[in-house]
Protein backbone atom coordinates (compact mmCIF):
# COMPACT_ATOMS: atom_id res chain seq x y z
CA MET A 1 121.23 136.17 146.29
CA ILE A 2 119.33 134.39 143.56
CA LEU A 3 121.17 131.08 144.13
CA GLU A 4 122.94 129.50 147.09
CA VAL A 5 124.60 126.11 146.75
CA ASP A 6 125.76 124.53 150.01
CA ASN A 7 128.01 121.45 150.18
CA LEU A 8 126.46 119.97 147.03
CA THR A 9 127.47 116.42 146.16
CA LYS A 10 126.53 114.13 143.31
CA PHE A 11 127.82 110.55 143.21
CA PHE A 12 127.12 108.01 140.49
CA ARG A 13 127.11 104.31 141.24
CA THR A 14 129.16 102.22 138.78
CA PRO A 15 130.41 98.61 138.79
CA SER A 16 133.81 99.87 139.99
CA GLY A 17 132.33 101.98 142.82
CA LEU A 18 130.93 105.43 143.54
CA VAL A 19 132.11 108.17 141.17
CA HIS A 20 132.60 111.41 143.14
CA SER A 21 131.55 113.71 140.30
CA VAL A 22 130.65 116.66 142.54
CA ASP A 23 131.90 116.57 146.11
CA GLY A 24 131.16 119.41 148.52
CA VAL A 25 130.64 122.35 146.14
CA SER A 26 129.46 125.60 147.75
CA PHE A 27 128.94 129.07 146.26
CA SER A 28 126.38 131.86 146.02
CA LEU A 29 125.26 133.86 143.01
CA ALA A 30 123.92 137.40 143.01
CA ARG A 31 121.12 138.45 140.68
CA GLY A 32 122.52 139.80 137.40
CA GLU A 33 125.92 138.20 137.94
CA THR A 34 127.83 135.74 135.74
CA LEU A 35 129.76 132.99 137.48
CA GLY A 36 132.32 131.26 135.28
CA LEU A 37 132.98 127.60 136.05
CA VAL A 38 136.26 126.27 134.63
CA GLY A 39 138.48 123.20 134.92
CA GLU A 40 139.73 120.15 133.03
CA SER A 41 137.37 117.72 131.32
CA GLY A 42 135.79 115.41 133.87
CA CYS A 43 136.22 117.80 136.82
CA GLY A 44 132.45 117.99 137.44
CA LYS A 45 131.50 121.32 135.85
CA THR A 46 128.61 120.00 133.77
CA THR A 47 127.39 117.68 136.53
CA THR A 48 127.29 120.67 138.89
CA GLY A 49 125.12 122.60 136.44
CA ARG A 50 122.81 119.68 135.75
CA THR A 51 122.41 118.98 139.47
CA ILE A 52 121.58 122.61 140.24
CA ILE A 53 118.81 122.57 137.62
CA ARG A 54 117.74 119.16 138.98
CA LEU A 55 118.30 117.16 135.81
CA TYR A 56 120.25 115.04 138.30
CA ASP A 57 119.04 114.49 141.86
CA PRO A 58 121.74 115.58 144.33
CA THR A 59 123.27 112.95 146.59
CA SER A 60 123.45 115.45 149.43
CA GLY A 61 123.76 119.16 150.07
CA ARG A 62 121.35 122.04 149.51
CA ILE A 63 120.23 124.11 146.52
CA ASN A 64 118.44 127.32 147.47
CA PHE A 65 116.89 129.31 144.62
CA ASP A 66 115.58 132.79 145.41
CA GLY A 67 115.09 131.88 149.07
CA GLN A 68 113.42 128.51 148.43
CA ASP A 69 114.99 125.11 148.97
CA ILE A 70 114.57 123.08 145.76
CA THR A 71 116.92 120.24 146.71
CA THR A 72 114.33 117.50 147.24
CA LEU A 73 111.36 118.75 145.21
CA THR A 74 109.49 116.22 143.06
CA PRO A 75 109.34 116.73 139.27
CA LYS A 76 105.82 118.15 139.66
CA GLU A 77 106.93 120.53 142.41
CA MET A 78 109.94 121.57 140.31
CA LEU A 79 107.81 122.67 137.33
CA PRO A 80 107.39 126.32 138.44
CA PHE A 81 111.15 126.55 139.05
CA ARG A 82 112.00 125.07 135.64
CA LYS A 83 110.32 128.15 134.17
CA ARG A 84 112.71 130.33 136.16
CA ILE A 85 115.89 128.26 135.60
CA GLN A 86 116.80 127.20 132.09
CA MET A 87 119.82 125.59 130.43
CA ILE A 88 121.71 126.08 127.18
CA PHE A 89 123.32 122.78 126.22
CA GLN A 90 126.79 122.20 124.84
CA ASP A 91 126.01 120.38 121.60
CA PRO A 92 123.66 122.31 119.29
CA TYR A 93 123.44 119.22 117.06
CA ALA A 94 122.20 116.85 119.78
CA SER A 95 120.08 119.21 121.87
CA LEU A 96 117.47 120.00 119.18
CA ASN A 97 114.88 117.43 118.10
CA PRO A 98 115.55 116.79 114.37
CA ARG A 99 111.88 115.87 113.81
CA MET A 100 110.53 119.19 115.04
CA THR A 101 110.55 122.51 113.24
CA VAL A 102 112.35 125.42 114.84
CA GLY A 103 109.01 127.04 115.62
CA ASP A 104 107.78 123.91 117.41
CA ILE A 105 111.06 123.59 119.35
CA ILE A 106 110.70 127.12 120.73
CA ARG A 107 106.94 126.75 121.19
CA GLU A 108 107.20 123.55 123.25
CA PRO A 109 108.20 125.22 126.57
CA LEU A 110 105.42 127.79 126.06
CA ILE A 111 102.92 124.92 125.89
CA ILE A 112 104.40 123.12 128.91
CA HIS A 113 104.32 126.24 131.08
CA GLY A 114 100.86 127.39 130.03
CA PHE A 115 101.55 130.53 128.02
CA PRO A 116 98.36 131.70 126.23
CA LYS A 117 98.08 129.87 122.92
CA ASP A 118 97.15 133.00 120.96
CA GLN A 119 100.51 134.52 121.93
CA HIS A 120 102.69 131.62 120.79
CA SER A 121 103.31 132.70 117.19
CA ASP A 122 104.22 136.26 118.12
CA ARG A 123 106.41 135.02 120.95
CA VAL A 124 108.28 132.61 118.65
CA ALA A 125 108.85 135.36 116.07
CA HIS A 126 110.08 137.75 118.77
CA LEU A 127 112.51 135.17 120.19
CA LEU A 128 113.94 134.35 116.77
CA SER A 129 114.50 138.06 116.17
CA LEU A 130 116.10 138.39 119.61
CA VAL A 131 118.81 135.84 118.73
CA GLY A 132 119.51 137.17 115.25
CA LEU A 133 117.24 134.92 113.18
CA ASN A 134 113.98 135.77 111.41
CA SER A 135 110.42 134.54 111.78
CA GLY A 136 110.43 133.10 108.25
CA GLN A 137 112.82 130.41 109.46
CA ALA A 138 110.35 129.03 112.03
CA GLY A 139 109.10 126.36 109.62
CA ARG A 140 112.55 124.94 108.90
CA TYR A 141 114.21 121.96 110.61
CA PRO A 142 117.46 121.98 112.62
CA HIS A 143 119.50 120.23 109.90
CA GLU A 144 118.93 123.24 107.65
CA PHE A 145 120.95 125.49 109.99
CA SER A 146 124.64 125.89 110.77
CA GLY A 147 126.07 125.08 114.19
CA GLY A 148 126.05 128.71 115.26
CA GLN A 149 122.46 129.16 114.13
CA ARG A 150 121.42 126.00 115.98
CA GLN A 151 122.93 127.33 119.18
CA ARG A 152 120.97 130.54 118.66
CA ILE A 153 117.83 128.40 118.43
CA GLY A 154 118.81 126.68 121.68
CA ILE A 155 119.23 130.08 123.31
CA ALA A 156 115.83 131.20 122.00
CA ARG A 157 114.27 128.06 123.49
CA ALA A 158 115.91 128.79 126.86
CA LEU A 159 114.60 132.37 126.77
CA ALA A 160 111.07 131.35 125.76
CA VAL A 161 109.63 131.12 129.29
CA GLU A 162 111.34 134.29 130.57
CA PRO A 163 113.85 132.66 132.96
CA GLU A 164 115.85 134.48 135.61
CA LEU A 165 118.85 132.12 135.74
CA ILE A 166 120.41 130.38 132.74
CA ILE A 167 123.05 127.67 133.07
CA CYS A 168 125.24 127.85 129.96
CA ASP A 169 126.91 124.45 129.60
CA GLU A 170 129.89 125.10 127.33
CA PRO A 171 127.61 126.83 124.78
CA ILE A 172 130.49 127.77 122.45
CA SER A 173 132.82 124.75 122.61
CA ALA A 174 131.25 123.00 119.59
CA LEU A 175 131.33 126.15 117.42
CA ASP A 176 133.91 127.63 115.07
CA VAL A 177 136.15 130.24 116.69
CA SER A 178 134.75 132.93 114.42
CA ILE A 179 131.23 132.21 115.74
CA GLN A 180 132.15 131.91 119.42
CA ALA A 181 132.63 135.64 119.97
CA GLN A 182 129.28 136.38 118.30
CA ILE A 183 127.44 134.02 120.66
CA VAL A 184 129.20 135.36 123.76
CA ASN A 185 128.51 138.98 122.77
CA MET A 186 124.88 138.10 122.17
CA LEU A 187 124.63 136.46 125.62
CA GLU A 188 126.07 139.61 127.18
CA ASP A 189 123.59 141.83 125.33
CA LEU A 190 120.69 139.59 126.38
CA GLN A 191 121.87 139.68 129.98
CA LYS A 192 121.83 143.48 130.00
CA SER A 193 118.46 143.83 128.26
CA LEU A 194 116.63 141.04 130.11
CA GLY A 195 118.35 141.17 133.51
CA LEU A 196 119.57 137.57 133.32
CA THR A 197 121.90 135.72 135.68
CA TYR A 198 124.33 133.18 134.22
CA ILE A 199 126.43 130.23 135.27
CA PHE A 200 128.87 129.99 132.37
CA ILE A 201 130.65 126.63 132.08
CA ALA A 202 133.57 126.58 129.65
CA HIS A 203 137.06 125.37 128.78
CA ASP A 204 138.17 128.59 127.09
CA LEU A 205 139.74 130.55 129.94
CA SER A 206 140.12 133.78 127.96
CA MET A 207 136.43 133.73 127.00
CA VAL A 208 135.41 133.04 130.61
CA ARG A 209 137.41 136.06 131.73
CA HIS A 210 135.61 138.20 129.16
CA ILE A 211 132.06 137.29 130.20
CA SER A 212 132.31 136.46 133.93
CA THR A 213 131.90 138.60 137.03
CA ARG A 214 133.50 135.89 139.20
CA VAL A 215 135.23 132.63 138.31
CA ALA A 216 135.28 129.29 140.16
CA VAL A 217 138.01 126.78 139.34
CA MET A 218 137.10 123.09 139.76
CA TYR A 219 139.38 120.09 140.15
CA LEU A 220 138.16 116.52 140.64
CA GLY A 221 134.69 117.47 141.83
CA GLN A 222 135.66 120.34 144.12
CA ILE A 223 136.09 124.11 143.82
CA VAL A 224 139.73 124.93 144.57
CA GLU A 225 139.60 128.69 143.96
CA LEU A 226 136.91 131.36 143.64
CA ALA A 227 137.42 135.07 143.05
CA GLY A 228 136.43 138.05 140.96
CA SER A 229 137.38 137.62 137.32
CA GLY A 230 140.04 140.34 137.27
CA GLU A 231 141.48 139.25 140.62
CA LEU A 232 141.70 135.58 139.67
CA TYR A 233 143.38 136.17 136.32
CA THR A 234 145.92 138.69 137.62
CA ASN A 235 146.57 137.08 141.00
CA PRO A 236 145.90 133.33 140.92
CA LYS A 237 146.75 131.60 144.20
CA HIS A 238 146.10 127.88 143.91
CA PRO A 239 148.85 125.87 142.13
CA TYR A 240 146.24 124.31 139.85
CA THR A 241 144.83 127.70 138.85
CA ILE A 242 148.34 128.98 138.18
CA SER A 243 148.97 126.04 135.84
CA LEU A 244 145.69 126.71 134.01
CA MET A 245 146.49 130.39 133.60
CA SER A 246 149.94 129.60 132.19
CA SER A 247 148.26 127.63 129.40
CA ILE A 248 146.25 130.59 128.07
CA PRO A 249 147.65 131.53 124.62
CA ILE A 250 149.19 135.01 124.33
CA PRO A 251 149.23 136.53 120.80
CA ASP A 252 152.51 138.39 121.38
CA PRO A 253 155.40 135.87 120.94
CA ASP A 254 157.79 137.92 123.10
CA LYS A 255 155.35 138.06 126.01
CA SER A 256 154.48 134.40 125.55
CA ASP A 257 158.16 133.35 125.66
CA ALA A 258 158.79 135.49 128.74
CA ARG A 259 155.89 134.00 130.70
CA PRO A 260 156.84 131.09 132.99
CA GLN A 261 155.14 127.84 132.04
CA VAL A 262 153.76 125.47 134.68
CA PHE A 263 153.51 121.89 133.42
CA LEU A 264 151.59 119.36 135.48
CA GLU A 265 152.85 115.81 135.68
CA GLY A 266 150.72 112.69 135.87
CA GLU A 267 147.05 112.08 135.19
CA ILE A 268 143.94 113.19 137.04
CA PRO A 269 143.29 110.60 139.79
CA SER A 270 140.25 108.37 139.62
CA ALA A 271 137.02 109.98 140.80
CA VAL A 272 136.08 106.57 142.21
CA ASN A 273 138.98 106.65 144.66
CA PRO A 274 140.13 110.28 144.97
CA PRO A 275 143.27 111.12 147.00
CA SER A 276 142.93 111.89 150.69
CA GLY A 277 143.40 115.45 151.89
CA CYS A 278 144.04 117.81 148.99
CA ARG A 279 142.95 116.13 145.77
CA PHE A 280 145.48 118.05 143.73
CA ARG A 281 148.46 116.89 145.80
CA THR A 282 149.39 114.01 143.46
CA ARG A 283 150.12 116.51 140.67
CA CYS A 284 151.05 119.61 142.66
CA PRO A 285 154.60 120.92 142.20
CA LYS A 286 154.47 122.39 145.72
CA ALA A 287 152.97 119.38 147.53
CA LYS A 288 154.03 118.70 151.12
CA SER A 289 153.67 115.57 153.22
CA GLU A 290 150.92 117.29 155.20
CA CYS A 291 148.79 117.62 152.04
CA SER A 292 147.64 114.01 152.39
CA SER A 293 145.82 114.80 155.63
CA VAL A 294 145.10 118.53 155.38
CA ASP A 295 141.47 119.69 155.16
CA ALA A 296 141.57 121.52 151.81
CA VAL A 297 138.58 123.82 152.25
CA LEU A 298 138.06 127.24 150.70
CA ARG A 299 139.32 130.08 152.88
CA ASP A 300 139.42 133.83 152.33
CA VAL A 301 142.90 135.08 151.39
CA GLY A 302 141.79 138.69 150.99
CA ARG A 303 139.84 140.77 148.44
CA ASN A 304 136.97 138.22 148.52
CA HIS A 305 139.41 135.71 147.07
CA LEU A 306 138.83 132.12 148.23
CA CYS A 307 141.44 129.39 147.87
CA ALA A 308 141.54 125.77 149.05
CA CYS A 309 145.32 125.56 149.52
CA PRO A 310 146.33 126.16 153.18
CA PHE A 311 150.00 126.75 152.28
CA ILE A 312 149.65 129.92 150.22
CA ASP A 313 149.82 133.49 151.54
């Protein structure tokens, strides 16, 4: 396994109390795999990714990368691991420095991680070519590019130091639909050619199914279901996952009309004061009285399919 996350938590202190952004998340990731991370806005997907890469210090839990515990490393001690773990950010407009040229943006990690200076120009040109741009664009500034091109620049920057694991934080959500498929296909091609491992965070469930080996579903800071992509989409178990799957658009009107819809009532509870027991119980159509006290932990329901609901087969 290239990554093992064990009981990871990240709380933020606010005037109203502790926000349970990530609360007891555990999973492992094999080399060359893509783990999709899905769920509603505010469920903790991005915070999980940022905590794994140590942009946020974890409150508790353990992060083991390639056999080494990186949970409590100082910024100086983390530097060698930052070369091996990179991140593609959600907003291609905010993640690139508008005062730096594209060449300088891609060159910056090469400088930080000590790549030979005489190789920088060739490396920048190669990376631009790798993401579908050309070396003649290295002297231009981010505002001269479209959103899709900017995200390609962000991907080139992430690839600059030859990482092994890339956390893709909703890399297509800010892009036009016509560009999204191009970016996802490019990420798949890069994974095959460079042997990359991905954590792919997204809202688009159909796109996650396309790119992911396994998919983890998050709700209010916790993983409620985890299974292989095909297994999860054809045989969802958790009531929350079932409701998510019923919201995926189907192009065929007849099939769409025939599919049962699962509508959730109410709002997501406060992460400052989450419900006891199962956190989904306040919106679950199948909730029982026992759900307020049950220990809703992931358990194997067969075919390497993990689900946090104790009342499903």
